[in-house]
N, C-alpha and C. Protein backbone atom coordinates (compact mmCIF):
# COMPACT_ATOMS: atom_id res chain seq x y z
N UNK A 1 -16.29 1.75 -3.23
CA UNK A 1 -15.54 1.81 -4.46
C UNK A 1 -15.60 0.46 -5.18
N UNK A 2 -15.50 -0.62 -4.41
CA UNK A 2 -15.56 -1.95 -5.02
C UNK A 2 -16.92 -2.19 -5.64
N UNK A 3 -17.97 -1.69 -4.99
CA UNK A 3 -19.31 -1.85 -5.53
C UNK A 3 -19.43 -1.21 -6.91
N UNK A 4 -18.79 -0.05 -7.05
CA UNK A 4 -18.85 0.66 -8.33
C UNK A 4 -18.22 -0.17 -9.43
N UNK A 5 -17.04 -0.71 -9.17
CA UNK A 5 -16.36 -1.48 -10.21
C UNK A 5 -17.04 -2.83 -10.44
N UNK A 6 -17.63 -3.39 -9.39
CA UNK A 6 -18.38 -4.63 -9.57
C UNK A 6 -19.60 -4.39 -10.45
N UNK A 7 -20.31 -3.29 -10.19
CA UNK A 7 -21.48 -2.96 -11.04
C UNK A 7 -21.04 -2.64 -12.46
N UNK A 8 -19.92 -1.94 -12.58
CA UNK A 8 -19.42 -1.60 -13.92
C UNK A 8 -19.11 -2.88 -14.69
N UNK A 9 -18.50 -3.84 -14.02
CA UNK A 9 -18.16 -5.10 -14.68
C UNK A 9 -19.43 -5.84 -15.11
N UNK A 10 -20.41 -5.87 -14.21
CA UNK A 10 -21.66 -6.58 -14.52
C UNK A 10 -22.43 -5.90 -15.64
N UNK A 11 -22.32 -4.58 -15.75
CA UNK A 11 -23.09 -3.87 -16.77
C UNK A 11 -22.20 -3.35 -17.91
N UNK A 12 -21.09 -4.01 -18.12
CA UNK A 12 -20.16 -3.56 -19.16
C UNK A 12 -20.79 -3.56 -20.54
N UNK A 13 -21.80 -4.38 -20.75
CA UNK A 13 -22.46 -4.42 -22.06
C UNK A 13 -23.22 -3.12 -22.35
N UNK A 14 -23.52 -2.34 -21.29
CA UNK A 14 -24.23 -1.09 -21.51
C UNK A 14 -23.30 0.05 -21.93
N UNK A 15 -21.98 -0.18 -21.81
CA UNK A 15 -21.02 0.86 -22.21
C UNK A 15 -20.94 0.92 -23.73
N UNK A 16 -21.04 2.14 -24.26
CA UNK A 16 -20.98 2.33 -25.69
C UNK A 16 -19.54 2.58 -26.13
N UNK A 17 -19.03 1.74 -27.01
CA UNK A 17 -17.67 1.88 -27.51
C UNK A 17 -17.49 3.25 -28.15
N UNK A 18 -16.35 3.86 -27.93
CA UNK A 18 -16.07 5.17 -28.49
C UNK A 18 -16.45 6.31 -27.57
N UNK A 19 -17.18 6.02 -26.49
CA UNK A 19 -17.56 7.04 -25.52
C UNK A 19 -16.51 7.10 -24.42
N UNK A 20 -16.54 8.17 -23.64
CA UNK A 20 -15.63 8.31 -22.51
C UNK A 20 -16.11 7.42 -21.37
N UNK A 21 -15.15 6.79 -20.70
CA UNK A 21 -15.46 5.86 -19.61
C UNK A 21 -15.84 6.61 -18.34
N UNK A 22 -15.20 7.73 -18.08
CA UNK A 22 -15.38 8.45 -16.82
C UNK A 22 -16.84 8.82 -16.53
N UNK A 23 -17.56 9.45 -17.44
CA UNK A 23 -18.96 9.79 -17.14
C UNK A 23 -19.82 8.54 -16.86
N UNK A 24 -19.54 7.47 -17.60
CA UNK A 24 -20.26 6.22 -17.40
C UNK A 24 -20.00 5.69 -15.98
N UNK A 25 -18.72 5.72 -15.56
CA UNK A 25 -18.38 5.25 -14.21
C UNK A 25 -18.98 6.15 -13.13
N UNK A 26 -18.98 7.45 -13.34
CA UNK A 26 -19.55 8.35 -12.34
C UNK A 26 -21.05 8.17 -12.21
N UNK A 27 -21.73 7.84 -13.29
CA UNK A 27 -23.15 7.53 -13.20
C UNK A 27 -23.37 6.28 -12.36
N UNK A 28 -22.54 5.29 -12.59
CA UNK A 28 -22.64 4.07 -11.79
C UNK A 28 -22.35 4.39 -10.33
N UNK A 29 -21.33 5.22 -10.06
CA UNK A 29 -20.98 5.60 -8.68
C UNK A 29 -22.15 6.34 -8.02
N UNK A 30 -22.75 7.26 -8.75
CA UNK A 30 -23.89 8.00 -8.22
C UNK A 30 -25.04 7.06 -7.87
N UNK A 31 -25.30 6.12 -8.74
CA UNK A 31 -26.37 5.16 -8.49
C UNK A 31 -26.05 4.27 -7.29
N UNK A 32 -24.78 3.88 -7.11
CA UNK A 32 -24.38 3.09 -5.95
C UNK A 32 -24.62 3.87 -4.66
N UNK A 33 -24.24 5.14 -4.65
CA UNK A 33 -24.43 5.97 -3.46
C UNK A 33 -25.92 6.15 -3.17
N UNK A 34 -26.70 6.40 -4.21
CA UNK A 34 -28.14 6.56 -4.02
C UNK A 34 -28.75 5.28 -3.46
N UNK A 35 -28.37 4.15 -4.00
CA UNK A 35 -28.89 2.87 -3.51
C UNK A 35 -28.51 2.63 -2.07
N UNK A 36 -27.26 2.94 -1.71
CA UNK A 36 -26.80 2.76 -0.33
C UNK A 36 -27.57 3.67 0.62
N UNK A 37 -27.80 4.92 0.20
CA UNK A 37 -28.56 5.84 1.06
C UNK A 37 -29.99 5.35 1.27
N UNK A 38 -30.61 4.91 0.20
CA UNK A 38 -31.98 4.40 0.33
C UNK A 38 -32.04 3.15 1.18
N UNK A 39 -31.06 2.26 1.00
CA UNK A 39 -30.99 1.03 1.79
C UNK A 39 -30.82 1.37 3.27
N UNK A 40 -29.93 2.30 3.57
CA UNK A 40 -29.70 2.71 4.96
C UNK A 40 -30.94 3.40 5.54
N UNK A 41 -31.64 4.14 4.71
CA UNK A 41 -32.85 4.84 5.15
C UNK A 41 -33.91 3.83 5.58
N UNK A 42 -34.08 2.77 4.76
CA UNK A 42 -35.06 1.74 5.09
C UNK A 42 -34.68 1.02 6.38
N UNK A 43 -33.40 0.68 6.52
CA UNK A 43 -32.94 -0.01 7.73
C UNK A 43 -33.12 0.86 8.97
N UNK A 44 -32.86 2.13 8.83
CA UNK A 44 -32.98 3.04 9.96
C UNK A 44 -34.43 3.20 10.39
N UNK A 45 -35.34 3.21 9.43
CA UNK A 45 -36.76 3.31 9.77
C UNK A 45 -37.21 2.09 10.57
N UNK A 46 -36.69 0.93 10.17
CA UNK A 46 -37.04 -0.30 10.87
C UNK A 46 -36.54 -0.23 12.31
N UNK A 47 -35.33 0.29 12.51
CA UNK A 47 -34.75 0.40 13.85
C UNK A 47 -35.25 1.62 14.61
N UNK A 48 -35.94 2.53 13.91
CA UNK A 48 -36.47 3.71 14.56
C UNK A 48 -35.44 4.80 14.79
N UNK A 49 -34.36 4.82 14.02
CA UNK A 49 -33.34 5.85 14.18
C UNK A 49 -33.83 7.16 13.58
N UNK A 50 -33.36 8.26 14.14
CA UNK A 50 -33.74 9.57 13.64
C UNK A 50 -32.62 10.15 12.79
N UNK A 51 -32.97 11.15 12.01
CA UNK A 51 -31.97 11.88 11.25
C UNK A 51 -31.72 11.34 9.85
N UNK A 52 -32.23 10.18 9.53
CA UNK A 52 -31.99 9.59 8.22
C UNK A 52 -32.67 10.40 7.13
N UNK A 53 -33.87 10.92 7.42
CA UNK A 53 -34.56 11.73 6.41
C UNK A 53 -33.75 12.96 6.05
N UNK A 54 -33.07 13.52 7.03
CA UNK A 54 -32.23 14.69 6.74
C UNK A 54 -31.12 14.32 5.78
N UNK A 55 -30.49 13.18 6.01
CA UNK A 55 -29.41 12.74 5.13
C UNK A 55 -29.95 12.42 3.75
N UNK A 56 -31.06 11.70 3.68
CA UNK A 56 -31.64 11.33 2.39
C UNK A 56 -32.09 12.58 1.63
N UNK A 57 -32.54 13.61 2.35
CA UNK A 57 -32.96 14.84 1.70
C UNK A 57 -31.82 15.58 1.04
N UNK A 58 -30.63 15.35 1.52
CA UNK A 58 -29.45 15.98 0.94
C UNK A 58 -28.70 15.03 0.02
N UNK A 59 -29.40 14.06 -0.53
CA UNK A 59 -28.79 13.03 -1.37
C UNK A 59 -27.94 13.62 -2.49
N UNK A 60 -28.47 14.60 -3.18
CA UNK A 60 -27.72 15.18 -4.30
C UNK A 60 -26.41 15.80 -3.83
N UNK A 61 -26.46 16.44 -2.68
CA UNK A 61 -25.24 17.03 -2.12
C UNK A 61 -24.22 15.95 -1.78
N UNK A 62 -24.69 14.88 -1.17
CA UNK A 62 -23.79 13.78 -0.80
C UNK A 62 -23.20 13.14 -2.05
N UNK A 63 -24.04 12.90 -3.03
CA UNK A 63 -23.59 12.29 -4.28
C UNK A 63 -22.54 13.17 -4.95
N UNK A 64 -22.79 14.47 -4.99
CA UNK A 64 -21.85 15.39 -5.61
C UNK A 64 -20.51 15.38 -4.88
N UNK A 65 -20.56 15.34 -3.55
CA UNK A 65 -19.31 15.30 -2.79
C UNK A 65 -18.53 14.02 -3.04
N UNK A 66 -19.23 12.90 -3.05
CA UNK A 66 -18.56 11.62 -3.29
C UNK A 66 -17.97 11.60 -4.70
N UNK A 67 -18.75 12.02 -5.67
CA UNK A 67 -18.25 12.04 -7.05
C UNK A 67 -17.08 13.00 -7.18
N UNK A 68 -17.16 14.15 -6.51
CA UNK A 68 -16.06 15.12 -6.55
C UNK A 68 -14.79 14.54 -5.95
N UNK A 69 -14.92 13.83 -4.83
CA UNK A 69 -13.74 13.20 -4.21
C UNK A 69 -13.15 12.14 -5.13
N UNK A 70 -14.01 11.35 -5.75
CA UNK A 70 -13.53 10.32 -6.65
C UNK A 70 -12.83 10.93 -7.86
N UNK A 71 -13.39 12.02 -8.39
CA UNK A 71 -12.75 12.68 -9.52
C UNK A 71 -11.39 13.23 -9.12
N UNK A 72 -11.32 13.82 -7.92
CA UNK A 72 -10.06 14.38 -7.45
C UNK A 72 -9.03 13.28 -7.24
N UNK A 73 -9.45 12.14 -6.69
CA UNK A 73 -8.53 11.02 -6.51
C UNK A 73 -8.03 10.51 -7.85
N UNK A 74 -8.93 10.40 -8.81
CA UNK A 74 -8.56 9.96 -10.15
C UNK A 74 -7.58 10.94 -10.78
N UNK A 75 -7.87 12.23 -10.64
CA UNK A 75 -7.00 13.25 -11.21
C UNK A 75 -5.62 13.20 -10.57
N UNK A 76 -5.56 13.10 -9.26
CA UNK A 76 -4.26 13.03 -8.57
C UNK A 76 -3.48 11.80 -8.99
N UNK A 77 -4.17 10.69 -9.14
CA UNK A 77 -3.52 9.46 -9.58
C UNK A 77 -2.92 9.63 -10.97
N UNK A 78 -3.67 10.22 -11.87
CA UNK A 78 -3.19 10.43 -13.23
C UNK A 78 -2.08 11.48 -13.28
N UNK A 79 -2.14 12.48 -12.40
CA UNK A 79 -1.09 13.50 -12.35
C UNK A 79 0.26 12.87 -12.01
N UNK A 80 0.23 11.86 -11.12
CA UNK A 80 1.48 11.19 -10.73
C UNK A 80 2.15 10.51 -11.92
N UNK A 81 1.35 10.18 -12.93
CA UNK A 81 1.88 9.49 -14.11
C UNK A 81 2.54 10.45 -15.11
N UNK A 82 2.28 11.74 -14.97
CA UNK A 82 2.86 12.73 -15.89
C UNK A 82 4.35 12.92 -15.60
N UNK A 83 5.12 13.31 -16.62
CA UNK A 83 6.51 13.69 -16.37
C UNK A 83 6.55 14.85 -15.37
N UNK A 84 7.59 14.93 -14.57
CA UNK A 84 7.64 15.92 -13.49
C UNK A 84 7.50 17.36 -13.98
N UNK A 85 8.08 17.70 -15.15
CA UNK A 85 7.96 19.08 -15.62
C UNK A 85 6.53 19.42 -16.00
N UNK A 86 5.76 18.47 -16.52
CA UNK A 86 4.36 18.69 -16.83
C UNK A 86 3.53 18.78 -15.55
N UNK A 87 3.77 17.84 -14.65
CA UNK A 87 3.02 17.79 -13.39
C UNK A 87 3.20 19.08 -12.60
N UNK A 88 4.43 19.57 -12.53
CA UNK A 88 4.73 20.78 -11.77
C UNK A 88 3.96 21.99 -12.32
N UNK A 89 3.92 22.13 -13.62
CA UNK A 89 3.23 23.26 -14.24
C UNK A 89 1.73 23.19 -13.98
N UNK A 90 1.14 22.01 -14.12
CA UNK A 90 -0.30 21.87 -13.87
C UNK A 90 -0.62 22.14 -12.41
N UNK A 91 0.20 21.61 -11.49
CA UNK A 91 -0.06 21.84 -10.07
C UNK A 91 0.03 23.32 -9.72
N UNK A 92 1.04 24.01 -10.24
CA UNK A 92 1.18 25.44 -9.94
C UNK A 92 0.04 26.26 -10.54
N UNK A 93 -0.34 25.93 -11.76
CA UNK A 93 -1.37 26.71 -12.43
C UNK A 93 -2.78 26.41 -11.96
N UNK A 94 -3.11 25.14 -11.81
CA UNK A 94 -4.49 24.78 -11.49
C UNK A 94 -4.76 24.62 -10.00
N UNK A 95 -3.81 24.05 -9.26
CA UNK A 95 -4.06 23.80 -7.84
C UNK A 95 -3.62 24.96 -6.96
N UNK A 96 -2.56 25.66 -7.36
CA UNK A 96 -2.09 26.79 -6.56
C UNK A 96 -2.58 28.12 -7.10
N UNK A 97 -3.18 28.11 -8.28
CA UNK A 97 -3.79 29.30 -8.85
C UNK A 97 -2.80 30.36 -9.32
N UNK A 98 -1.57 29.96 -9.64
CA UNK A 98 -0.58 30.93 -10.11
C UNK A 98 -0.84 31.31 -11.56
N UNK A 99 -0.51 32.53 -11.90
CA UNK A 99 -0.62 32.98 -13.28
C UNK A 99 0.59 32.49 -14.07
N UNK A 100 0.52 32.62 -15.39
CA UNK A 100 1.67 32.23 -16.22
C UNK A 100 2.92 33.01 -15.81
N UNK A 101 2.76 34.31 -15.56
CA UNK A 101 3.91 35.15 -15.18
C UNK A 101 4.54 34.64 -13.88
N UNK A 102 3.70 34.27 -12.91
CA UNK A 102 4.21 33.77 -11.64
C UNK A 102 4.90 32.42 -11.80
N UNK A 103 4.35 31.57 -12.65
CA UNK A 103 4.98 30.27 -12.89
C UNK A 103 6.32 30.46 -13.60
N UNK A 104 6.33 31.37 -14.60
CA UNK A 104 7.57 31.66 -15.32
C UNK A 104 8.68 32.08 -14.37
N UNK A 105 8.37 33.02 -13.48
CA UNK A 105 9.41 33.51 -12.57
C UNK A 105 9.81 32.45 -11.56
N UNK A 106 8.87 31.64 -11.11
CA UNK A 106 9.19 30.60 -10.14
C UNK A 106 10.07 29.51 -10.74
N UNK A 107 9.77 29.12 -11.99
CA UNK A 107 10.51 28.04 -12.63
C UNK A 107 11.69 28.53 -13.45
N UNK A 108 11.72 29.82 -13.74
CA UNK A 108 12.82 30.36 -14.52
C UNK A 108 12.81 29.92 -15.97
N UNK A 109 11.62 29.81 -16.54
CA UNK A 109 11.51 29.44 -17.95
C UNK A 109 10.78 30.55 -18.70
N UNK A 110 10.98 30.58 -20.02
CA UNK A 110 10.35 31.64 -20.81
C UNK A 110 8.88 31.30 -21.06
N UNK A 111 8.13 32.32 -21.46
CA UNK A 111 6.69 32.18 -21.65
C UNK A 111 6.36 31.15 -22.73
N UNK A 112 7.11 31.14 -23.82
CA UNK A 112 6.83 30.20 -24.90
C UNK A 112 7.00 28.76 -24.42
N UNK A 113 8.04 28.50 -23.65
CA UNK A 113 8.28 27.16 -23.12
C UNK A 113 7.16 26.76 -22.17
N UNK A 114 6.77 27.69 -21.30
CA UNK A 114 5.70 27.43 -20.34
C UNK A 114 4.41 27.09 -21.06
N UNK A 115 4.04 27.91 -22.03
CA UNK A 115 2.78 27.67 -22.75
C UNK A 115 2.81 26.35 -23.51
N UNK A 116 3.94 26.02 -24.10
CA UNK A 116 4.07 24.75 -24.81
C UNK A 116 3.95 23.57 -23.85
N UNK A 117 4.64 23.66 -22.72
CA UNK A 117 4.56 22.57 -21.72
C UNK A 117 3.15 22.44 -21.16
N UNK A 118 2.49 23.56 -20.91
CA UNK A 118 1.13 23.52 -20.38
C UNK A 118 0.20 22.85 -21.39
N UNK A 119 0.35 23.21 -22.64
CA UNK A 119 -0.48 22.62 -23.69
C UNK A 119 -0.29 21.11 -23.73
N UNK A 120 0.95 20.66 -23.76
CA UNK A 120 1.25 19.23 -23.86
C UNK A 120 0.87 18.49 -22.57
N UNK A 121 1.03 19.16 -21.44
CA UNK A 121 0.67 18.54 -20.16
C UNK A 121 -0.84 18.30 -20.09
N UNK A 122 -1.61 19.32 -20.45
CA UNK A 122 -3.07 19.19 -20.40
C UNK A 122 -3.54 18.15 -21.41
N UNK A 123 -2.94 18.15 -22.58
CA UNK A 123 -3.32 17.16 -23.60
C UNK A 123 -3.02 15.74 -23.15
N UNK A 124 -1.83 15.54 -22.53
CA UNK A 124 -1.48 14.21 -22.07
C UNK A 124 -2.38 13.78 -20.90
N UNK A 125 -2.68 14.70 -19.99
CA UNK A 125 -3.55 14.37 -18.87
C UNK A 125 -4.96 14.03 -19.37
N UNK A 126 -5.46 14.79 -20.32
CA UNK A 126 -6.79 14.51 -20.88
C UNK A 126 -6.81 13.13 -21.56
N UNK A 127 -5.71 12.81 -22.24
CA UNK A 127 -5.61 11.50 -22.88
C UNK A 127 -5.62 10.38 -21.86
N UNK A 128 -4.92 10.57 -20.75
CA UNK A 128 -4.88 9.57 -19.68
C UNK A 128 -6.25 9.40 -19.04
N UNK A 129 -7.00 10.48 -18.91
CA UNK A 129 -8.29 10.43 -18.23
C UNK A 129 -9.41 9.86 -19.10
N UNK A 130 -9.21 9.86 -20.42
CA UNK A 130 -10.30 9.36 -21.28
C UNK A 130 -10.10 7.91 -21.64
């Protein structure tokens, strides 16, 4: 993780103002993982270790998993910053897969209030993430 932010700092001039930071950071993260895999592959060949080719062959899968974990960590971090009523609705709807009707009955709020809170919660979360 530190490597990603160190590379981001060193290549900050490549970031285009007005663009979203997240995709730029994930590209840097993907490149860091790819570089680490290739570096480990070379070292393993020198030592004669087996199995490295299998790992390197699944590079895209590994990169996707790492990026997915980082996105989830970022999302969870930003969710903690939301007001509790917004956070609760997003968690029930997106993470627990409840329908609006199920959320309404669980929280005891009307549909209009739920839809309004969901709209504002998603908008605020999107603002925090960009």
